[in-house]
Amino acid sequence: MQIDETGITTTMTNTHGHIDWSGYQRVVEEPQLFILMIAKRQAQLLPKSDLTSAQVAELRNWFSQCLTAEQWEGQNDN
């Protein structure tokens, strides 16, 4: 997964795709993961357990800079 000012690019063994920031309906941060909603019933899940604390902070920064207030639900570490 690569994140930049244009959006998020994912590369797997047999697929490669890019979603612009405007393509995300909503991004929610839960205590254990980030939920990136692409459509009403389609999401990308990013488990925080796979990330360092610096990477989590970097993701929050990208989301707050590149998404609208309606798209980014912000930190929810209850």
PDB file of N, CA and C in Angstrom:
ATOM      1  N   MET A   1       0.842  -1.167   0.000  1.00  0.00           N
ATOM      2  CA  MET A   1       0.000   0.000   0.000  1.00  0.00           C
ATOM      3  C   MET A   1       0.889   1.232   0.000  1.00  0.00           C
ATOM      4  N   GLN A   2       0.579   2.163  -0.876  1.00  0.00           N
ATOM      5  CA  GLN A   2       1.315   3.420  -0.945  1.00  0.00           C
ATOM      6  C   GLN A   2       0.314   4.569  -0.818  1.00  0.00           C
ATOM      7  N   ILE A   3       0.633   5.508   0.070  1.00  0.00           N
ATOM      8  CA  ILE A   3      -0.251   6.643   0.315  1.00  0.00           C
ATOM      9  C   ILE A   3       0.483   7.916  -0.041  1.00  0.00           C
ATOM     10  N   ASP A   4      -0.180   8.765  -0.826  1.00  0.00           N
ATOM     11  CA  ASP A   4       0.404  10.062  -1.169  1.00  0.00           C
ATOM     12  C   ASP A   4      -0.707  11.096  -1.320  1.00  0.00           C
ATOM     13  N   GLU A   5      -0.368  12.268  -1.813  1.00  0.00           N
ATOM     14  CA  GLU A   5      -1.343  13.353  -1.903  1.00  0.00           C
ATOM     15  C   GLU A   5      -2.481  13.076  -2.879  1.00  0.00           C
ATOM     16  N   THR A   6      -2.330  12.071  -3.739  1.00  0.00           N
ATOM     17  CA  THR A   6      -3.388  11.754  -4.703  1.00  0.00           C
ATOM     18  C   THR A   6      -4.389  10.739  -4.176  1.00  0.00           C
ATOM     19  N   GLY A   7      -3.955   9.880  -3.242  1.00  0.00           N
ATOM     20  CA  GLY A   7      -4.834   8.845  -2.711  1.00  0.00           C
ATOM     21  C   GLY A   7      -4.047   7.638  -2.263  1.00  0.00           C
ATOM     22  N   ILE A   8      -4.657   6.474  -2.359  1.00  0.00           N
ATOM     23  CA  ILE A   8      -4.043   5.232  -1.896  1.00  0.00           C
ATOM     24  C   ILE A   8      -3.946   4.246  -3.053  1.00  0.00           C
ATOM     25  N   THR A   9      -2.752   3.720  -3.238  1.00  0.00           N
ATOM     26  CA  THR A   9      -2.493   2.713  -4.259  1.00  0.00           C
ATOM     27  C   THR A   9      -2.186   1.403  -3.563  1.00  0.00           C
ATOM     28  N   THR A  10      -2.874   0.344  -3.969  1.00  0.00           N
ATOM     29  CA  THR A  10      -2.614  -0.977  -3.407  1.00  0.00           C
ATOM     30  C   THR A  10      -2.065  -1.893  -4.500  1.00  0.00           C
ATOM     31  N   THR A  11      -1.095  -2.685  -4.114  1.00  0.00           N
ATOM     32  CA  THR A  11      -0.497  -3.639  -5.029  1.00  0.00           C
ATOM     33  C   THR A  11      -0.444  -4.992  -4.342  1.00  0.00           C
ATOM     34  N   MET A  12      -1.030  -5.986  -4.994  1.00  0.00           N
ATOM     35  CA  MET A  12      -0.994  -7.350  -4.493  1.00  0.00           C
ATOM     36  C   MET A  12      -0.459  -8.232  -5.613  1.00  0.00           C
ATOM     37  N   THR A  13      -0.350  -9.501  -5.369  1.00  0.00           N
ATOM     38  CA  THR A  13       0.239 -10.417  -6.342  1.00  0.00           C
ATOM     39  C   THR A  13      -0.399 -10.287  -7.720  1.00  0.00           C
ATOM     40  N   ASN A  14      -1.723 -10.283  -7.783  1.00  0.00           N
ATOM     41  CA  ASN A  14      -2.403 -10.291  -9.079  1.00  0.00           C
ATOM     42  C   ASN A  14      -3.203  -9.034  -9.374  1.00  0.00           C
ATOM     43  N   THR A  15      -3.160  -8.039  -8.488  1.00  0.00           N
ATOM     44  CA  THR A  15      -3.951  -6.834  -8.717  1.00  0.00           C
ATOM     45  C   THR A  15      -3.173  -5.584  -8.343  1.00  0.00           C
ATOM     46  N   HIS A  16      -3.595  -4.490  -8.944  1.00  0.00           N
ATOM     47  CA  HIS A  16      -3.014  -3.182  -8.672  1.00  0.00           C
ATOM     48  C   HIS A  16      -4.146  -2.170  -8.850  1.00  0.00           C
ATOM     49  N   GLY A  17      -4.331  -1.292  -7.871  1.00  0.00           N
ATOM     50  CA  GLY A  17      -5.406  -0.320  -7.991  1.00  0.00           C
ATOM     51  C   GLY A  17      -5.088   0.964  -7.246  1.00  0.00           C
ATOM     52  N   HIS A  18      -5.751   2.024  -7.638  1.00  0.00           N
ATOM     53  CA  HIS A  18      -5.579   3.327  -7.011  1.00  0.00           C
ATOM     54  C   HIS A  18      -6.955   3.939  -6.762  1.00  0.00           C
ATOM     55  N   ILE A  19      -7.123   4.525  -5.564  1.00  0.00           N
ATOM     56  CA  ILE A  19      -8.352   5.250  -5.248  1.00  0.00           C
ATOM     57  C   ILE A  19      -7.955   6.660  -4.834  1.00  0.00           C
ATOM     58  N   ASP A  20      -8.486   7.648  -5.540  1.00  0.00           N
ATOM     59  CA  ASP A  20      -8.265   9.043  -5.170  1.00  0.00           C
ATOM     60  C   ASP A  20      -8.951   9.310  -3.835  1.00  0.00           C
ATOM     61  N   TRP A  21      -8.455  10.315  -3.112  1.00  0.00           N
ATOM     62  CA  TRP A  21      -9.059  10.670  -1.826  1.00  0.00           C
ATOM     63  C   TRP A  21     -10.549  10.943  -1.972  1.00  0.00           C
ATOM     64  N   SER A  22     -10.965  11.549  -3.064  1.00  0.00           N
ATOM     65  CA  SER A  22     -12.384  11.851  -3.263  1.00  0.00           C
ATOM     66  C   SER A  22     -13.221  10.586  -3.446  1.00  0.00           C
ATOM     67  N   GLY A  23     -12.585   9.455  -3.714  1.00  0.00           N
ATOM     68  CA  GLY A  23     -13.282   8.197  -3.906  1.00  0.00           C
ATOM     69  C   GLY A  23     -13.693   7.510  -2.613  1.00  0.00           C
ATOM     70  N   TYR A  24     -13.184   8.008  -1.488  1.00  0.00           N
ATOM     71  CA  TYR A  24     -13.563   7.415  -0.206  1.00  0.00           C
ATOM     72  C   TYR A  24     -14.799   8.110   0.329  1.00  0.00           C
ATOM     73  N   GLN A  25     -15.820   7.314   0.618  1.00  0.00           N
ATOM     74  CA  GLN A  25     -17.041   7.883   1.183  1.00  0.00           C
ATOM     75  C   GLN A  25     -16.825   8.296   2.625  1.00  0.00           C
ATOM     76  N   ARG A  26     -16.058   7.484   3.347  1.00  0.00           N
ATOM     77  CA  ARG A  26     -15.842   7.750   4.766  1.00  0.00           C
ATOM     78  C   ARG A  26     -14.652   6.946   5.247  1.00  0.00           C
ATOM     79  N   VAL A  27     -13.902   7.509   6.184  1.00  0.00           N
ATOM     80  CA  VAL A  27     -12.816   6.794   6.844  1.00  0.00           C
ATOM     81  C   VAL A  27     -13.056   6.913   8.342  1.00  0.00           C
ATOM     82  N   VAL A  28     -13.092   5.764   9.003  1.00  0.00           N
ATOM     83  CA  VAL A  28     -13.359   5.712  10.435  1.00  0.00           C
ATOM     84  C   VAL A  28     -12.167   5.062  11.126  1.00  0.00           C
ATOM     85  N   GLU A  29     -11.746   5.668  12.225  1.00  0.00           N
ATOM     86  CA  GLU A  29     -10.692   5.057  13.031  1.00  0.00           C
ATOM     87  C   GLU A  29     -11.319   4.424  14.259  1.00  0.00           C
ATOM     88  N   GLU A  30     -11.099   3.147  14.408  1.00  0.00           N
ATOM     89  CA  GLU A  30     -11.530   2.392  15.578  1.00  0.00           C
ATOM     90  C   GLU A  30     -10.289   2.046  16.400  1.00  0.00           C
ATOM     91  N   PRO A  31     -10.465   1.583  17.619  1.00  0.00           N
ATOM     92  CA  PRO A  31      -9.298   1.269  18.450  1.00  0.00           C
ATOM     93  C   PRO A  31      -8.319   0.277  17.811  1.00  0.00           C
ATOM     94  N   GLN A  32      -8.821  -0.682  17.040  1.00  0.00           N
ATOM     95  CA  GLN A  32      -7.955  -1.720  16.480  1.00  0.00           C
ATOM     96  C   GLN A  32      -7.626  -1.549  14.995  1.00  0.00           C
ATOM     97  N   LEU A  33      -8.367  -0.681  14.282  1.00  0.00           N
ATOM     98  CA  LEU A  33      -8.159  -0.584  12.842  1.00  0.00           C
ATOM     99  C   LEU A  33      -8.739   0.692  12.256  1.00  0.00           C
ATOM    100  N   PHE A  34      -8.324   0.959  11.008  1.00  0.00           N
ATOM    101  CA  PHE A  34      -8.923   2.012  10.196  1.00  0.00           C
ATOM    102  C   PHE A  34      -9.862   1.333   9.209  1.00  0.00           C
ATOM    103  N   ILE A  35     -11.052   1.898   9.033  1.00  0.00           N
ATOM    104  CA  ILE A  35     -12.019   1.384   8.071  1.00  0.00           C
ATOM    105  C   ILE A  35     -12.180   2.443   6.992  1.00  0.00           C
ATOM    106  N   LEU A  36     -11.783   2.119   5.780  1.00  0.00           N
ATOM    107  CA  LEU A  36     -11.854   3.045   4.653  1.00  0.00           C
ATOM    108  C   LEU A  36     -12.997   2.611   3.748  1.00  0.00           C
ATOM    109  N   MET A  37     -14.109   3.315   3.811  1.00  0.00           N
ATOM    110  CA  MET A  37     -15.303   2.949   3.048  1.00  0.00           C
ATOM    111  C   MET A  37     -15.195   3.480   1.616  1.00  0.00           C
ATOM    112  N   ILE A  38     -15.245   2.547   0.669  1.00  0.00           N
ATOM    113  CA  ILE A  38     -15.193   2.888  -0.747  1.00  0.00           C
ATOM    114  C   ILE A  38     -16.613   2.996  -1.301  1.00  0.00           C
ATOM    115  N   ALA A  39     -17.480   2.143  -0.805  1.00  0.00           N
ATOM    116  CA  ALA A  39     -18.891   2.131  -1.189  1.00  0.00           C
ATOM    117  C   ALA A  39     -19.676   1.701   0.047  1.00  0.00           C
ATOM    118  N   LYS A  40     -20.981   1.707  -0.065  1.00  0.00           N
ATOM    119  CA  LYS A  40     -21.819   1.377   1.090  1.00  0.00           C
ATOM    120  C   LYS A  40     -21.452   0.033   1.709  1.00  0.00           C
ATOM    121  N   ARG A  41     -21.090  -0.927   0.883  1.00  0.00           N
ATOM    122  CA  ARG A  41     -20.772  -2.273   1.382  1.00  0.00           C
ATOM    123  C   ARG A  41     -19.386  -2.749   0.961  1.00  0.00           C
ATOM    124  N   GLN A  42     -18.490  -1.821   0.719  1.00  0.00           N
ATOM    125  CA  GLN A  42     -17.129  -2.195   0.334  1.00  0.00           C
ATOM    126  C   GLN A  42     -16.151  -1.324   1.103  1.00  0.00           C
ATOM    127  N   ALA A  43     -15.183  -1.971   1.755  1.00  0.00           N
ATOM    128  CA  ALA A  43     -14.231  -1.225   2.571  1.00  0.00           C
ATOM    129  C   ALA A  43     -12.844  -1.841   2.484  1.00  0.00           C
ATOM    130  N   GLN A  44     -11.854  -1.005   2.749  1.00  0.00           N
ATOM    131  CA  GLN A  44     -10.494  -1.468   2.964  1.00  0.00           C
ATOM    132  C   GLN A  44     -10.269  -1.408   4.473  1.00  0.00           C
ATOM    133  N   LEU A  45      -9.731  -2.479   5.045  1.00  0.00           N
ATOM    134  CA  LEU A  45      -9.460  -2.523   6.473  1.00  0.00           C
ATOM    135  C   LEU A  45      -7.958  -2.467   6.694  1.00  0.00           C
ATOM    136  N   LEU A  46      -7.520  -1.565   7.557  1.00  0.00           N
ATOM    137  CA  LEU A  46      -6.107  -1.444   7.891  1.00  0.00           C
ATOM    138  C   LEU A  46      -5.933  -1.715   9.385  1.00  0.00           C
ATOM    139  N   PRO A  47      -5.529  -2.929   9.757  1.00  0.00           N
ATOM    140  CA  PRO A  47      -5.325  -3.239  11.168  1.00  0.00           C
ATOM    141  C   PRO A  47      -4.149  -2.440  11.735  1.00  0.00           C
ATOM    142  N   LYS A  48      -4.365  -1.821  12.879  1.00  0.00           N
ATOM    143  CA  LYS A  48      -3.291  -1.060  13.520  1.00  0.00           C
ATOM    144  C   LYS A  48      -2.169  -1.972  14.004  1.00  0.00           C
ATOM    145  N   SER A  49      -2.483  -3.243  14.247  1.00  0.00           N
ATOM    146  CA  SER A  49      -1.461  -4.180  14.705  1.00  0.00           C
ATOM    147  C   SER A  49      -0.365  -4.394  13.664  1.00  0.00           C
ATOM    148  N   ASP A  50      -0.663  -4.082  12.403  1.00  0.00           N
ATOM    149  CA  ASP A  50       0.323  -4.208  11.327  1.00  0.00           C
ATOM    150  C   ASP A  50       1.149  -2.935  11.156  1.00  0.00           C
ATOM    151  N   LEU A  51       0.870  -1.904  11.961  1.00  0.00           N
ATOM    152  CA  LEU A  51       1.497  -0.593  11.796  1.00  0.00           C
ATOM    153  C   LEU A  51       2.275  -0.200  13.048  1.00  0.00           C
ATOM    154  N   THR A  52       3.322   0.595  12.849  1.00  0.00           N
ATOM    155  CA  THR A  52       4.017   1.187  13.988  1.00  0.00           C
ATOM    156  C   THR A  52       3.221   2.400  14.448  1.00  0.00           C
ATOM    157  N   SER A  53       3.523   2.910  15.639  1.00  0.00           N
ATOM    158  CA  SER A  53       2.822   4.105  16.115  1.00  0.00           C
ATOM    159  C   SER A  53       3.107   5.295  15.205  1.00  0.00           C
ATOM    160  N   ALA A  54       4.299   5.353  14.622  1.00  0.00           N
ATOM    161  CA  ALA A  54       4.625   6.433  13.677  1.00  0.00           C
ATOM    162  C   ALA A  54       3.776   6.323  12.410  1.00  0.00           C
ATOM    163  N   GLN A  55       3.531   5.111  11.944  1.00  0.00           N
ATOM    164  CA  GLN A  55       2.701   4.921  10.750  1.00  0.00           C
ATOM    165  C   GLN A  55       1.246   5.278  11.030  1.00  0.00           C
ATOM    166  N   VAL A  56       0.752   4.954  12.217  1.00  0.00           N
ATOM    167  CA  VAL A  56      -0.607   5.327  12.595  1.00  0.00           C
ATOM    168  C   VAL A  56      -0.732   6.845  12.606  1.00  0.00           C
ATOM    169  N   ALA A  57       0.248   7.533  13.191  1.00  0.00           N
ATOM    170  CA  ALA A  57       0.234   8.998  13.223  1.00  0.00           C
ATOM    171  C   ALA A  57       0.302   9.575  11.818  1.00  0.00           C
ATOM    172  N   GLU A  58       1.100   8.965  10.942  1.00  0.00           N
ATOM    173  CA  GLU A  58       1.203   9.431   9.560  1.00  0.00           C
ATOM    174  C   GLU A  58      -0.127   9.255   8.825  1.00  0.00           C
ATOM    175  N   LEU A  59      -0.796   8.135   9.046  1.00  0.00           N
ATOM    176  CA  LEU A  59      -2.111   7.923   8.429  1.00  0.00           C
ATOM    177  C   LEU A  59      -3.106   8.973   8.894  1.00  0.00           C
ATOM    178  N   ARG A  60      -3.146   9.225  10.192  1.00  0.00           N
ATOM    179  CA  ARG A  60      -4.048  10.259  10.712  1.00  0.00           C
ATOM    180  C   ARG A  60      -3.771  11.602  10.045  1.00  0.00           C
ATOM    181  N   ASN A  61      -2.490  11.909   9.855  1.00  0.00           N
ATOM    182  CA  ASN A  61      -2.104  13.161   9.210  1.00  0.00           C
ATOM    183  C   ASN A  61      -2.600  13.211   7.766  1.00  0.00           C
ATOM    184  N   TRP A  62      -2.394  12.128   7.005  1.00  0.00           N
ATOM    185  CA  TRP A  62      -2.875  12.089   5.621  1.00  0.00           C
ATOM    186  C   TRP A  62      -4.397  12.260   5.581  1.00  0.00           C
ATOM    187  N   PHE A  63      -5.103  11.535   6.452  1.00  0.00           N
ATOM    188  CA  PHE A  63      -6.558  11.609   6.454  1.00  0.00           C
ATOM    189  C   PHE A  63      -7.051  13.018   6.782  1.00  0.00           C
ATOM    190  N   SER A  64      -6.440  13.645   7.771  1.00  0.00           N
ATOM    191  CA  SER A  64      -6.897  14.986   8.155  1.00  0.00           C
ATOM    192  C   SER A  64      -6.555  16.026   7.089  1.00  0.00           C
ATOM    193  N   GLN A  65      -5.485  15.820   6.340  1.00  0.00           N
ATOM    194  CA  GLN A  65      -5.100  16.762   5.287  1.00  0.00           C
ATOM    195  C   GLN A  65      -5.867  16.553   3.990  1.00  0.00           C
ATOM    196  N   CYS A  66      -6.162  15.308   3.660  1.00  0.00           N
ATOM    197  CA  CYS A  66      -6.666  14.995   2.319  1.00  0.00           C
ATOM    198  C   CYS A  66      -8.158  14.689   2.242  1.00  0.00           C
ATOM    199  N   LEU A  67      -8.795  14.492   3.384  1.00  0.00           N
ATOM    200  CA  LEU A  67     -10.221  14.186   3.391  1.00  0.00           C
ATOM    201  C   LEU A  67     -11.006  15.354   3.971  1.00  0.00           C
ATOM    202  N   THR A  68     -12.258  15.456   3.586  1.00  0.00           N
ATOM    203  CA  THR A  68     -13.127  16.479   4.159  1.00  0.00           C
ATOM    204  C   THR A  68     -13.561  16.040   5.554  1.00  0.00           C
ATOM    205  N   ALA A  69     -14.126  16.961   6.311  1.00  0.00           N
ATOM    206  CA  ALA A  69     -14.620  16.635   7.657  1.00  0.00           C
ATOM    207  C   ALA A  69     -15.707  15.567   7.594  1.00  0.00           C
ATOM    208  N   GLU A  70     -16.484  15.545   6.529  1.00  0.00           N
ATOM    209  CA  GLU A  70     -17.542  14.543   6.377  1.00  0.00           C
ATOM    210  C   GLU A  70     -16.954  13.160   6.088  1.00  0.00           C
ATOM    211  N   GLN A  71     -15.799  13.110   5.449  1.00  0.00           N
ATOM    212  CA  GLN A  71     -15.173  11.834   5.110  1.00  0.00           C
ATOM    213  C   GLN A  71     -14.379  11.236   6.274  1.00  0.00           C
ATOM    214  N   TRP A  72     -13.728  12.066   7.076  1.00  0.00           N
ATOM    215  CA  TRP A  72     -12.801  11.601   8.115  1.00  0.00           C
ATOM    216  C   TRP A  72     -13.436  11.724   9.481  1.00  0.00           C
ATOM    217  N   GLU A  73     -13.657  10.589  10.123  1.00  0.00           N
ATOM    218  CA  GLU A  73     -14.278  10.537  11.437  1.00  0.00           C
ATOM    219  C   GLU A  73     -13.290  10.786  12.559  1.00  0.00           C
ATOM    220  N   GLY A  74     -12.006  10.737  12.258  1.00  0.00           N
ATOM    221  CA  GLY A  74     -11.009  11.054  13.270  1.00  0.00           C
ATOM    222  C   GLY A  74     -10.735   9.948  14.250  1.00  0.00           C
ATOM    223  N   GLN A  75      -9.940  10.287  15.215  1.00  0.00           N
ATOM    224  CA  GLN A  75      -9.453   9.326  16.190  1.00  0.00           C
ATOM    225  C   GLN A  75     -10.561   8.871  17.122  1.00  0.00           C
ATOM    226  N   ASN A  76     -10.600   7.562  17.369  1.00  0.00           N
ATOM    227  CA  ASN A  76     -11.602   6.978  18.258  1.00  0.00           C
ATOM    228  C   ASN A  76     -10.915   5.863  19.043  1.00  0.00           C
ATOM    229  N   ASP A  77     -10.018   6.232  19.966  1.00  0.00           N
ATOM    230  CA  ASP A  77      -9.262   5.249  20.733  1.00  0.00           C
ATOM    231  C   ASP A  77      -9.873   4.943  22.084  1.00  0.00           C
ATOM    232  N   ASN A  78     -11.177   4.796  22.139  1.00  0.00           N
ATOM    233  CA  ASN A  78     -11.851   4.502  23.411  1.00  0.00           C
ATOM    234  C   ASN A  78     -11.404   3.174  23.971  1.00  0.00           C
TER     235      ASN A  78
END
